[in-house]
């Protein structure tokens, strides 16, 4: 539910007074705190509330921001959260929250999320890339999109890719996650007509430059149909895949 409808519903149910509703509507577009300004209007433009990037924020800031976004928009997503931040969020939101410790993510919602009739294939090159792949998968699930996993199928052993050709070629949308030299999306793209969302990771030895090598490889791919998000941005890949799917559904 969008923030304004949420306020009007509370007013209609006599949960708040007209004066309280007026004050909430005044603050609806943004809410200024001492350390942040919350953009409550994000739901109108992106069809999803502002997402909290938890890294470098204090535990108290993350929890406080999550509560305020949740109250206005009925749901909130938190990314790049440490285990102690996730524990605080779990304690605050109790049964209404889903946690993925591997991805460092949390999602609280007052509404049940229904899965759409579309599945995204998420492929990662190595085991160390899994946390970023899990970011994409968790994001998709919170947005109502199911996914299928293919883990540890990097191009150092092409037989692992070949053995999964049927799965790859049957997918309508694919997210690839890879560090090192980042060649996986080019290989996968050469085997399917499905759009590829490529996620470079910061995994690799010194010359990988914390993911820059993988990023440049993906951007320079000679195979068409590949879109690239930023380094370690599994959330961005999941959100982009959801945006594609919603656009297709809207057009139909």
Protein backbone atom coordinates (compact mmCIF):
# COMPACT_ATOMS: atom_id res chain seq x y z
CA UNK A 1 0.00 0.00 0.00
CA UNK A 2 1.33 3.45 -0.84
CA UNK A 3 1.91 5.94 2.01
CA UNK A 4 -1.00 8.32 1.29
CA UNK A 5 -3.53 5.47 0.99
CA UNK A 6 -2.14 4.06 4.23
CA UNK A 7 -2.75 7.38 6.02
CA UNK A 8 -6.27 7.71 4.58
CA UNK A 9 -7.08 4.15 5.60
CA UNK A 10 -5.96 4.87 9.16
CA UNK A 11 -8.15 7.99 9.17
CA UNK A 12 -11.13 6.05 7.80
CA UNK A 13 -10.67 3.38 10.48
CA UNK A 14 -10.49 6.12 13.13
CA UNK A 15 -7.00 4.99 14.10
CA UNK A 16 -5.79 8.60 13.80
CA UNK A 17 -7.47 12.01 14.03
CA UNK A 18 -7.92 14.44 11.13
CA UNK A 19 -5.20 16.64 12.65
CA UNK A 20 -2.81 13.67 12.86
CA UNK A 21 -3.63 12.71 9.26
CA UNK A 22 -2.94 16.29 8.12
CA UNK A 23 0.42 16.29 9.89
CA UNK A 24 1.34 12.92 8.40
CA UNK A 25 0.39 14.08 4.90
CA UNK A 26 2.52 17.19 5.31
CA UNK A 27 5.49 14.98 6.12
CA UNK A 28 4.63 12.35 3.52
CA UNK A 29 6.92 13.48 0.71
CA UNK A 30 9.91 13.52 3.01
CA UNK A 31 10.71 13.21 6.68
CA UNK A 32 13.78 14.93 8.07
CA UNK A 33 15.73 13.37 10.90
CA UNK A 34 18.94 14.62 12.49
CA UNK A 35 21.00 12.21 10.36
CA UNK A 36 18.83 11.42 7.32
CA UNK A 37 15.94 12.55 5.13
CA UNK A 38 13.48 9.77 4.33
CA UNK A 39 11.91 9.89 0.86
CA UNK A 40 8.41 8.54 1.48
CA UNK A 41 7.35 9.43 -2.07
CA UNK A 42 9.69 6.78 -3.54
CA UNK A 43 6.76 4.36 -3.74
CA UNK A 44 5.03 6.54 -6.36
CA UNK A 45 8.03 6.70 -8.66
CA UNK A 46 9.56 3.23 -8.19
CA UNK A 47 6.54 1.22 -6.99
CA UNK A 48 8.61 0.32 -3.92
CA UNK A 49 9.65 2.26 -0.80
CA UNK A 50 13.12 3.69 -0.20
CA UNK A 51 15.60 0.88 0.54
CA UNK A 52 17.97 1.22 3.50
CA UNK A 53 21.70 0.72 2.81
CA UNK A 54 22.81 -0.36 6.28
CA UNK A 55 26.60 -0.38 5.93
CA UNK A 56 28.31 2.42 7.91
CA UNK A 57 25.03 3.31 9.65
CA UNK A 58 24.64 2.60 13.36
CA UNK A 59 22.33 -0.16 14.55
CA UNK A 60 20.00 2.44 16.05
CA UNK A 61 19.85 4.44 12.81
CA UNK A 62 19.01 1.37 10.73
CA UNK A 63 16.26 0.25 13.08
CA UNK A 64 14.81 3.75 13.43
CA UNK A 65 14.75 4.30 9.66
CA UNK A 66 13.18 0.88 9.12
CA UNK A 67 10.39 1.60 11.60
CA UNK A 68 9.53 4.96 10.01
CA UNK A 69 9.50 3.62 6.42
CA UNK A 70 7.50 0.57 7.53
CA UNK A 71 4.89 2.73 9.27
CA UNK A 72 4.34 4.83 6.13
CA UNK A 73 4.66 2.22 3.39
CA UNK A 74 3.75 -1.08 5.12
CA UNK A 75 7.06 -2.62 4.03
CA UNK A 76 10.77 -1.95 4.18
CA UNK A 77 13.92 -3.57 2.77
CA UNK A 78 17.38 -3.37 4.32
CA UNK A 79 20.61 -4.23 2.44
CA UNK A 80 24.29 -4.72 3.41
CA UNK A 81 23.43 -5.31 7.07
CA UNK A 82 25.74 -6.99 9.58
CA UNK A 83 24.53 -9.88 11.76
CA UNK A 84 24.04 -7.66 14.80
CA UNK A 85 21.95 -5.20 12.77
CA UNK A 86 19.85 -8.11 11.47
CA UNK A 87 19.35 -9.36 15.04
CA UNK A 88 18.10 -5.92 16.14
CA UNK A 89 15.70 -5.79 13.19
CA UNK A 90 14.43 -9.29 13.93
CA UNK A 91 13.74 -8.31 17.53
CA UNK A 92 11.92 -5.14 16.46
CA UNK A 93 9.72 -6.61 13.71
CA UNK A 94 9.30 -10.11 15.12
CA UNK A 95 7.11 -12.34 12.88
CA UNK A 96 6.69 -9.77 10.10
CA UNK A 97 10.33 -9.89 8.98
CA UNK A 98 12.34 -12.16 6.71
CA UNK A 99 16.11 -12.39 7.15
CA UNK A 100 18.85 -13.64 4.83
CA UNK A 101 22.10 -13.56 6.82
CA UNK A 102 24.21 -14.72 3.88
CA UNK A 103 22.98 -11.80 1.79
CA UNK A 104 23.01 -9.38 4.73
CA UNK A 105 19.41 -8.44 3.99
CA UNK A 106 16.08 -8.08 5.77
CA UNK A 107 12.54 -7.40 4.58
CA UNK A 108 9.53 -6.54 6.72
CA UNK A 109 6.02 -6.40 5.28
CA UNK A 110 2.49 -6.10 6.62
CA UNK A 111 1.21 -7.68 3.42
CA UNK A 112 1.68 -11.19 2.09
CA UNK A 113 3.87 -11.22 -1.03
CA UNK A 114 2.34 -13.20 -3.91
CA UNK A 115 4.68 -14.76 -6.46
CA UNK A 116 4.26 -13.73 -10.09
CA UNK A 117 4.21 -16.25 -12.91
CA UNK A 118 7.81 -15.62 -13.91
CA UNK A 119 11.06 -17.20 -12.74
CA UNK A 120 14.56 -15.68 -12.94
CA UNK A 121 17.65 -17.87 -13.28
CA UNK A 122 20.51 -16.75 -11.04
CA UNK A 123 23.95 -18.14 -11.95
CA UNK A 124 27.10 -17.53 -9.97
CA UNK A 125 30.64 -18.42 -11.00
CA UNK A 126 32.16 -19.46 -7.66
CA UNK A 127 31.14 -20.33 -4.13
CA UNK A 128 32.58 -17.03 -2.87
CA UNK A 129 30.15 -15.19 -5.16
CA UNK A 130 27.12 -16.76 -3.45
CA UNK A 131 26.40 -13.92 -0.95
CA UNK A 132 25.91 -11.47 -3.86
CA UNK A 133 23.79 -14.01 -5.76
CA UNK A 134 21.71 -14.43 -2.59
CA UNK A 135 21.22 -10.66 -2.52
CA UNK A 136 19.60 -10.86 -5.96
CA UNK A 137 17.51 -13.91 -5.03
CA UNK A 138 16.28 -12.39 -1.75
CA UNK A 139 15.43 -9.12 -3.49
CA UNK A 140 13.44 -10.98 -6.15
CA UNK A 141 11.54 -13.00 -3.55
CA UNK A 142 10.60 -9.85 -1.61
CA UNK A 143 9.32 -8.34 -4.87
CA UNK A 144 7.24 -11.41 -5.69
CA UNK A 145 9.53 -13.09 -8.23
CA UNK A 146 10.63 -16.72 -7.87
CA UNK A 147 14.13 -17.79 -8.88
CA UNK A 148 16.20 -20.81 -9.76
CA UNK A 149 19.86 -21.18 -8.71
CA UNK A 150 22.91 -22.46 -10.53
CA UNK A 151 25.88 -22.10 -8.19
CA UNK A 152 29.60 -22.66 -8.77
CA UNK A 153 29.45 -22.94 -12.57
CA UNK A 154 32.32 -20.63 -13.50
CA UNK A 155 34.05 -20.85 -16.86
CA UNK A 156 37.23 -22.38 -15.42
CA UNK A 157 35.33 -25.64 -15.92
CA UNK A 158 33.12 -25.17 -18.99
CA UNK A 159 31.62 -28.63 -18.55
CA UNK A 160 29.67 -27.20 -15.61
CA UNK A 161 28.00 -24.74 -17.98
CA UNK A 162 27.44 -27.33 -20.71
CA UNK A 163 25.80 -29.72 -18.26
CA UNK A 164 23.17 -27.06 -17.51
CA UNK A 165 22.39 -25.92 -21.07
CA UNK A 166 18.74 -27.01 -20.87
CA UNK A 167 18.18 -24.89 -17.74
CA UNK A 168 20.03 -21.91 -19.23
CA UNK A 169 18.20 -21.99 -22.56
CA UNK A 170 14.78 -22.34 -20.94
CA UNK A 171 15.24 -19.23 -18.77
CA UNK A 172 13.49 -16.00 -19.78
CA UNK A 173 15.64 -13.72 -17.62
CA UNK A 174 19.13 -14.49 -16.27
CA UNK A 175 21.29 -12.86 -13.62
CA UNK A 176 24.98 -13.81 -13.67
CA UNK A 177 27.29 -13.14 -10.73
CA UNK A 178 31.06 -13.41 -11.12
CA UNK A 179 34.35 -12.04 -9.85
CA UNK A 180 37.92 -12.70 -11.05
CA UNK A 181 37.98 -11.82 -14.79
CA UNK A 182 34.16 -11.72 -14.98
CA UNK A 183 33.75 -13.66 -18.24
CA UNK A 184 30.71 -15.70 -17.16
CA UNK A 185 27.97 -13.39 -18.57
CA UNK A 186 29.60 -13.34 -22.02
CA UNK A 187 29.69 -17.13 -22.12
CA UNK A 188 26.08 -17.45 -20.92
CA UNK A 189 24.91 -14.73 -23.32
CA UNK A 190 26.47 -16.63 -26.22
CA UNK A 191 24.27 -19.61 -25.40
CA UNK A 192 20.84 -17.98 -25.01
CA UNK A 193 18.66 -15.17 -26.37
CA UNK A 194 17.46 -14.25 -22.86
CA UNK A 195 18.50 -10.85 -21.47
CA UNK A 196 21.47 -11.09 -19.11
CA UNK A 197 21.94 -8.90 -16.04
CA UNK A 198 25.63 -9.12 -15.09
CA UNK A 199 26.87 -8.52 -11.55
CA UNK A 200 30.64 -8.14 -11.04
CA UNK A 201 31.88 -9.07 -7.57
CA UNK A 202 34.92 -7.90 -5.62
CA UNK A 203 36.16 -11.52 -5.39
CA UNK A 204 39.59 -12.19 -6.90
CA UNK A 205 43.34 -11.84 -6.60
CA UNK A 206 45.24 -8.54 -6.64
CA UNK A 207 44.88 -7.68 -10.32
CA UNK A 208 41.11 -8.06 -10.08
CA UNK A 209 41.25 -4.64 -8.36
CA UNK A 210 38.33 -5.39 -6.04
CA UNK A 211 35.98 -6.17 -8.91
CA UNK A 212 37.04 -3.50 -11.37
CA UNK A 213 38.49 -6.08 -13.78
CA UNK A 214 35.24 -8.06 -13.76
CA UNK A 215 33.22 -4.86 -14.24
CA UNK A 216 35.28 -3.78 -17.26
CA UNK A 217 35.12 -7.27 -18.82
CA UNK A 218 31.33 -7.31 -18.52
CA UNK A 219 31.00 -3.79 -19.93
CA UNK A 220 33.26 -4.73 -22.85
CA UNK A 221 31.48 -7.97 -23.73
CA UNK A 222 31.08 -8.56 -27.47
CA UNK A 223 27.88 -10.53 -26.88
CA UNK A 224 24.74 -8.34 -27.20
CA UNK A 225 21.92 -8.40 -24.67
CA UNK A 226 23.98 -7.87 -21.49
CA UNK A 227 23.27 -5.13 -18.96
CA UNK A 228 25.77 -4.54 -16.14
CA UNK A 229 25.13 -3.28 -12.59
CA UNK A 230 27.74 -2.05 -10.15
CA UNK A 231 30.25 -4.17 -8.22
CA UNK A 232 28.65 -6.39 -5.53
CA UNK A 233 25.20 -4.96 -6.35
CA UNK A 234 23.07 -8.09 -6.17
CA UNK A 235 20.17 -5.99 -4.92
CA UNK A 236 20.35 -3.78 -8.01
CA UNK A 237 20.32 -6.81 -10.30
CA UNK A 238 17.26 -8.28 -8.59
CA UNK A 239 15.42 -4.96 -8.70
CA UNK A 240 16.28 -4.47 -12.37
CA UNK A 241 15.01 -7.94 -13.28
CA UNK A 242 11.77 -7.20 -11.42
CA UNK A 243 11.45 -3.89 -13.32
CA UNK A 244 11.85 -5.73 -16.65
CA UNK A 245 9.19 -8.27 -15.70
CA UNK A 246 6.75 -5.62 -14.47
CA UNK A 247 7.22 -3.63 -17.70
CA UNK A 248 6.46 -6.72 -19.78
CA UNK A 249 3.41 -7.56 -17.69
CA UNK A 250 2.17 -3.96 -17.94
CA UNK A 251 2.58 -3.94 -21.72
CA UNK A 252 0.55 -7.14 -22.01
